[in-house]
């Protein structure tokens, strides 16, 4: 796997993570969208977005 395809994979994963977070907010979940949640989703992508949603559902707040 070349460096270009790895970078492309990470960028696409990050974009989809941010889309999932925005979609959850659009669908009515009062998930906080702040700097920390955006950074988590941008760095971890889809798993990061799912983690933020899971923590929100379990009652943990992200400042």
PDB file of N, CA and C in Angstrom:
ATOM      1  N   UNK A   1       0.854  -1.175   0.000  1.00  0.00           N
ATOM      2  CA  UNK A   1       0.000   0.000   0.000  1.00  0.00           C
ATOM      3  C   UNK A   1       0.893   1.229   0.000  1.00  0.00           C
ATOM      4  N   UNK A   2       0.643   2.123  -0.910  1.00  0.00           N
ATOM      5  CA  UNK A   2       1.479   3.313  -1.021  1.00  0.00           C
ATOM      6  C   UNK A   2       1.031   4.381  -0.027  1.00  0.00           C
ATOM      7  N   UNK A   3       1.881   5.350   0.151  1.00  0.00           N
ATOM      8  CA  UNK A   3       1.592   6.443   1.086  1.00  0.00           C
ATOM      9  C   UNK A   3       0.376   7.241   0.645  1.00  0.00           C
ATOM     10  N   UNK A   4       0.227   7.441  -0.666  1.00  0.00           N
ATOM     11  CA  UNK A   4      -0.919   8.201  -1.176  1.00  0.00           C
ATOM     12  C   UNK A   4      -2.240   7.530  -0.884  1.00  0.00           C
ATOM     13  N   UNK A   5      -2.299   6.208  -1.043  1.00  0.00           N
ATOM     14  CA  UNK A   5      -3.558   5.510  -0.782  1.00  0.00           C
ATOM     15  C   UNK A   5      -3.860   5.462   0.715  1.00  0.00           C
ATOM     16  N   UNK A   6      -2.822   5.406   1.544  1.00  0.00           N
ATOM     17  CA  UNK A   6      -3.027   5.427   2.991  1.00  0.00           C
ATOM     18  C   UNK A   6      -3.566   6.774   3.430  1.00  0.00           C
ATOM     19  N   UNK A   7      -3.003   7.838   2.910  1.00  0.00           N
ATOM     20  CA  UNK A   7      -3.478   9.182   3.253  1.00  0.00           C
ATOM     21  C   UNK A   7      -4.908   9.374   2.771  1.00  0.00           C
ATOM     22  N   UNK A   8      -5.200   8.895   1.568  1.00  0.00           N
ATOM     23  CA  UNK A   8      -6.559   9.008   1.032  1.00  0.00           C
ATOM     24  C   UNK A   8      -7.553   8.264   1.928  1.00  0.00           C
ATOM     25  N   UNK A   9      -7.176   7.068   2.392  1.00  0.00           N
ATOM     26  CA  UNK A   9      -8.038   6.287   3.282  1.00  0.00           C
ATOM     27  C   UNK A   9      -8.304   7.053   4.585  1.00  0.00           C
ATOM     28  N   UNK A  10      -7.273   7.641   5.175  1.00  0.00           N
ATOM     29  CA  UNK A  10      -7.442   8.381   6.424  1.00  0.00           C
ATOM     30  C   UNK A  10      -8.313   9.619   6.248  1.00  0.00           C
ATOM     31  N   UNK A  11      -8.143  10.312   5.143  1.00  0.00           N
ATOM     32  CA  UNK A  11      -8.947  11.514   4.882  1.00  0.00           C
ATOM     33  C   UNK A  11     -10.415  11.136   4.687  1.00  0.00           C
ATOM     34  N   UNK A  12     -10.668  10.101   3.898  1.00  0.00           N
ATOM     35  CA  UNK A  12     -12.053   9.674   3.657  1.00  0.00           C
ATOM     36  C   UNK A  12     -12.690   9.190   4.955  1.00  0.00           C
ATOM     37  N   UNK A  13     -11.944   8.448   5.772  1.00  0.00           N
ATOM     38  CA  UNK A  13     -12.465   7.969   7.046  1.00  0.00           C
ATOM     39  C   UNK A  13     -12.792   9.141   7.967  1.00  0.00           C
ATOM     40  N   UNK A  14     -11.947  10.152   7.988  1.00  0.00           N
ATOM     41  CA  UNK A  14     -12.206  11.329   8.819  1.00  0.00           C
ATOM     42  C   UNK A  14     -13.449  12.083   8.354  1.00  0.00           C
ATOM     43  N   UNK A  15     -13.588  12.225   7.045  1.00  0.00           N
ATOM     44  CA  UNK A  15     -14.761  12.919   6.509  1.00  0.00           C
ATOM     45  C   UNK A  15     -16.041  12.168   6.859  1.00  0.00           C
ATOM     46  N   UNK A  16     -16.025  10.845   6.709  1.00  0.00           N
ATOM     47  CA  UNK A  16     -17.215  10.070   7.055  1.00  0.00           C
ATOM     48  C   UNK A  16     -17.517  10.152   8.551  1.00  0.00           C
ATOM     49  N   UNK A  17     -16.496  10.202   9.389  1.00  0.00           N
ATOM     50  CA  UNK A  17     -16.715  10.363  10.827  1.00  0.00           C
ATOM     51  C   UNK A  17     -17.405  11.675  11.148  1.00  0.00           C
ATOM     52  N   UNK A  18     -16.966  12.749  10.495  1.00  0.00           N
ATOM     53  CA  UNK A  18     -17.599  14.048  10.716  1.00  0.00           C
ATOM     54  C   UNK A  18     -19.025  14.076  10.162  1.00  0.00           C
ATOM     55  N   UNK A  19     -19.247  13.387   9.044  1.00  0.00           N
ATOM     56  CA  UNK A  19     -20.599  13.307   8.477  1.00  0.00           C
ATOM     57  C   UNK A  19     -21.531  12.554   9.418  1.00  0.00           C
ATOM     58  N   UNK A  20     -21.053  11.476  10.015  1.00  0.00           N
ATOM     59  CA  UNK A  20     -21.875  10.719  10.965  1.00  0.00           C
ATOM     60  C   UNK A  20     -22.244  11.584  12.156  1.00  0.00           C
ATOM     61  N   UNK A  21     -21.295  12.357  12.667  1.00  0.00           N
ATOM     62  CA  UNK A  21     -21.577  13.246  13.793  1.00  0.00           C
ATOM     63  C   UNK A  21     -22.616  14.301  13.409  1.00  0.00           C
ATOM     64  N   UNK A  22     -22.467  14.903  12.236  1.00  0.00           N
ATOM     65  CA  UNK A  22     -23.429  15.904  11.780  1.00  0.00           C
ATOM     66  C   UNK A  22     -24.792  15.279  11.511  1.00  0.00           C
ATOM     67  N   UNK A  23     -24.814  14.074  10.974  1.00  0.00           N
ATOM     68  CA  UNK A  23     -26.071  13.386  10.703  1.00  0.00           C
ATOM     69  C   UNK A  23     -26.814  13.067  11.994  1.00  0.00           C
ATOM     70  N   UNK A  24     -26.077  12.669  13.022  1.00  0.00           N
ATOM     71  CA  UNK A  24     -26.709  12.399  14.313  1.00  0.00           C
ATOM     72  C   UNK A  24     -27.337  13.669  14.868  1.00  0.00           C
ATOM     73  N   UNK A  25     -26.641  14.776  14.728  1.00  0.00           N
ATOM     74  CA  UNK A  25     -27.186  16.054  15.194  1.00  0.00           C
ATOM     75  C   UNK A  25     -28.410  16.450  14.367  1.00  0.00           C
ATOM     76  N   UNK A  26     -28.348  16.214  13.050  1.00  0.00           N
ATOM     77  CA  UNK A  26     -29.459  16.558  12.160  1.00  0.00           C
ATOM     78  C   UNK A  26     -30.694  15.705  12.462  1.00  0.00           C
ATOM     79  N   UNK A  27     -30.486  14.444  12.856  1.00  0.00           N
ATOM     80  CA  UNK A  27     -31.600  13.540  13.140  1.00  0.00           C
ATOM     81  C   UNK A  27     -32.230  13.774  14.514  1.00  0.00           C
ATOM     82  N   UNK A  28     -31.680  14.714  15.273  1.00  0.00           N
ATOM     83  CA  UNK A  28     -32.328  15.090  16.520  1.00  0.00           C
ATOM     84  C   UNK A  28     -31.619  14.652  17.779  1.00  0.00           C
ATOM     85  N   UNK A  29     -30.520  13.909  17.675  1.00  0.00           N
ATOM     86  CA  UNK A  29     -29.775  13.566  18.881  1.00  0.00           C
ATOM     87  C   UNK A  29     -29.051  14.815  19.371  1.00  0.00           C
ATOM     88  N   UNK A  30     -29.226  15.164  20.616  1.00  0.00           N
ATOM     89  CA  UNK A  30     -28.566  16.375  21.105  1.00  0.00           C
ATOM     90  C   UNK A  30     -27.096  16.133  21.452  1.00  0.00           C
ATOM     91  N   UNK A  31     -26.369  15.573  20.506  1.00  0.00           N
ATOM     92  CA  UNK A  31     -24.941  15.309  20.691  1.00  0.00           C
ATOM     93  C   UNK A  31     -24.204  16.641  20.631  1.00  0.00           C
ATOM     94  N   UNK A  32     -23.351  16.905  21.610  1.00  0.00           N
ATOM     95  CA  UNK A  32     -22.626  18.180  21.572  1.00  0.00           C
ATOM     96  C   UNK A  32     -21.586  18.173  20.451  1.00  0.00           C
ATOM     97  N   UNK A  33     -21.653  19.172  19.610  1.00  0.00           N
ATOM     98  CA  UNK A  33     -20.628  19.334  18.580  1.00  0.00           C
ATOM     99  C   UNK A  33     -19.766  20.501  19.017  1.00  0.00           C
ATOM    100  N   UNK A  34     -18.604  20.157  19.532  1.00  0.00           N
ATOM    101  CA  UNK A  34     -17.659  21.168  19.972  1.00  0.00           C
ATOM    102  C   UNK A  34     -16.271  20.783  19.472  1.00  0.00           C
ATOM    103  N   UNK A  35     -15.280  21.511  19.887  1.00  0.00           N
ATOM    104  CA  UNK A  35     -13.928  21.293  19.378  1.00  0.00           C
ATOM    105  C   UNK A  35     -13.421  19.888  19.699  1.00  0.00           C
ATOM    106  N   UNK A  36     -13.707  19.388  20.893  1.00  0.00           N
ATOM    107  CA  UNK A  36     -13.204  18.071  21.287  1.00  0.00           C
ATOM    108  C   UNK A  36     -13.856  16.970  20.467  1.00  0.00           C
ATOM    109  N   UNK A  37     -15.178  17.014  20.292  1.00  0.00           N
ATOM    110  CA  UNK A  37     -15.837  15.963  19.521  1.00  0.00           C
ATOM    111  C   UNK A  37     -15.438  16.011  18.050  1.00  0.00           C
ATOM    112  N   UNK A  38     -15.235  17.196  17.519  1.00  0.00           N
ATOM    113  CA  UNK A  38     -14.796  17.311  16.122  1.00  0.00           C
ATOM    114  C   UNK A  38     -13.379  16.766  15.962  1.00  0.00           C
ATOM    115  N   UNK A  39     -12.508  17.039  16.911  1.00  0.00           N
ATOM    116  CA  UNK A  39     -11.143  16.507  16.841  1.00  0.00           C
ATOM    117  C   UNK A  39     -11.152  14.985  16.945  1.00  0.00           C
ATOM    118  N   UNK A  40     -11.977  14.438  17.832  1.00  0.00           N
ATOM    119  CA  UNK A  40     -12.077  12.979  17.967  1.00  0.00           C
ATOM    120  C   UNK A  40     -12.535  12.367  16.649  1.00  0.00           C
ATOM    121  N   UNK A  41     -13.554  12.947  16.047  1.00  0.00           N
ATOM    122  CA  UNK A  41     -14.066  12.416  14.786  1.00  0.00           C
ATOM    123  C   UNK A  41     -13.090  12.613  13.638  1.00  0.00           C
ATOM    124  N   UNK A  42     -12.366  13.714  13.642  1.00  0.00           N
ATOM    125  CA  UNK A  42     -11.410  13.960  12.566  1.00  0.00           C
ATOM    126  C   UNK A  42     -10.202  13.033  12.672  1.00  0.00           C
ATOM    127  N   UNK A  43      -9.762  12.737  13.884  1.00  0.00           N
ATOM    128  CA  UNK A  43      -8.596  11.875  14.052  1.00  0.00           C
ATOM    129  C   UNK A  43      -8.943  10.392  13.955  1.00  0.00           C
ATOM    130  N   UNK A  44     -10.073   9.992  14.523  1.00  0.00           N
ATOM    131  CA  UNK A  44     -10.413   8.570  14.567  1.00  0.00           C
ATOM    132  C   UNK A  44     -11.421   8.162  13.499  1.00  0.00           C
ATOM    133  N   UNK A  45     -12.054   9.116  12.853  1.00  0.00           N
ATOM    134  CA  UNK A  45     -12.974   8.795  11.766  1.00  0.00           C
ATOM    135  C   UNK A  45     -14.264   8.157  12.253  1.00  0.00           C
ATOM    136  N   UNK A  46     -14.683   7.127  11.547  1.00  0.00           N
ATOM    137  CA  UNK A  46     -15.951   6.464  11.859  1.00  0.00           C
ATOM    138  C   UNK A  46     -15.940   5.856  13.266  1.00  0.00           C
ATOM    139  N   UNK A  47     -14.883   5.133  13.670  1.00  0.00           N
ATOM    140  CA  UNK A  47     -14.884   4.633  15.050  1.00  0.00           C
ATOM    141  C   UNK A  47     -14.949   5.749  16.089  1.00  0.00           C
ATOM    142  N   UNK A  48     -14.337   6.887  15.804  1.00  0.00           N
ATOM    143  CA  UNK A  48     -14.406   8.019  16.730  1.00  0.00           C
ATOM    144  C   UNK A  48     -15.811   8.574  16.844  1.00  0.00           C
ATOM    145  N   UNK A  49     -16.511   8.667  15.721  1.00  0.00           N
ATOM    146  CA  UNK A  49     -17.890   9.153  15.744  1.00  0.00           C
ATOM    147  C   UNK A  49     -18.786   8.187  16.514  1.00  0.00           C
ATOM    148  N   UNK A  50     -18.581   6.903  16.291  1.00  0.00           N
ATOM    149  CA  UNK A  50     -19.375   5.910  17.025  1.00  0.00           C
ATOM    150  C   UNK A  50     -19.057   5.948  18.514  1.00  0.00           C
ATOM    151  N   UNK A  51     -17.805   6.199  18.858  1.00  0.00           N
ATOM    152  CA  UNK A  51     -17.432   6.325  20.267  1.00  0.00           C
ATOM    153  C   UNK A  51     -18.100   7.536  20.901  1.00  0.00           C
ATOM    154  N   UNK A  52     -18.108   8.659  20.218  1.00  0.00           N
ATOM    155  CA  UNK A  52     -18.758   9.861  20.739  1.00  0.00           C
ATOM    156  C   UNK A  52     -20.250   9.599  20.944  1.00  0.00           C
ATOM    157  N   UNK A  53     -20.882   8.956  19.976  1.00  0.00           N
ATOM    158  CA  UNK A  53     -22.310   8.649  20.103  1.00  0.00           C
ATOM    159  C   UNK A  53     -22.572   7.664  21.241  1.00  0.00           C
ATOM    160  N   UNK A  54     -21.729   6.654  21.372  1.00  0.00           N
ATOM    161  CA  UNK A  54     -21.895   5.674  22.446  1.00  0.00           C
ATOM    162  C   UNK A  54     -21.733   6.330  23.811  1.00  0.00           C
ATOM    163  N   UNK A  55     -20.720   7.167  23.952  1.00  0.00           N
ATOM    164  CA  UNK A  55     -20.531   7.868  25.221  1.00  0.00           C
ATOM    165  C   UNK A  55     -21.715   8.772  25.536  1.00  0.00           C
ATOM    166  N   UNK A  56     -22.259   9.419  24.518  1.00  0.00           N
ATOM    167  CA  UNK A  56     -23.422  10.281  24.728  1.00  0.00           C
ATOM    168  C   UNK A  56     -24.626   9.457  25.187  1.00  0.00           C
ATOM    169  N   UNK A  57     -24.868   8.321  24.534  1.00  0.00           N
ATOM    170  CA  UNK A  57     -26.009   7.480  24.890  1.00  0.00           C
ATOM    171  C   UNK A  57     -25.858   6.923  26.302  1.00  0.00           C
ATOM    172  N   UNK A  58     -24.619   6.612  26.704  1.00  0.00           N
ATOM    173  CA  UNK A  58     -24.375   6.084  28.040  1.00  0.00           C
ATOM    174  C   UNK A  58     -24.399   7.162  29.115  1.00  0.00           C
ATOM    175  N   UNK A  59     -24.469   8.428  28.721  1.00  0.00           N
ATOM    176  CA  UNK A  59     -24.609   9.503  29.693  1.00  0.00           C
ATOM    177  C   UNK A  59     -23.332  10.234  30.031  1.00  0.00           C
ATOM    178  N   UNK A  60     -22.238   9.918  29.363  1.00  0.00           N
ATOM    179  CA  UNK A  60     -20.988  10.631  29.624  1.00  0.00           C
ATOM    180  C   UNK A  60     -20.993  11.922  28.824  1.00  0.00           C
ATOM    181  N   UNK A  61     -20.557  12.984  29.457  1.00  0.00           N
ATOM    182  CA  UNK A  61     -20.506  14.261  28.772  1.00  0.00           C
ATOM    183  C   UNK A  61     -19.075  14.564  28.352  1.00  0.00           C
ATOM    184  N   UNK A  62     -18.940  15.126  27.190  1.00  0.00           N
ATOM    185  CA  UNK A  62     -17.643  15.546  26.690  1.00  0.00           C
ATOM    186  C   UNK A  62     -17.633  17.056  26.753  1.00  0.00           C
ATOM    187  N   UNK A  63     -16.746  17.604  27.570  1.00  0.00           N
ATOM    188  CA  UNK A  63     -16.777  19.062  27.782  1.00  0.00           C
ATOM    189  C   UNK A  63     -16.460  19.845  26.550  1.00  0.00           C
TER     190      UNK A  63
END
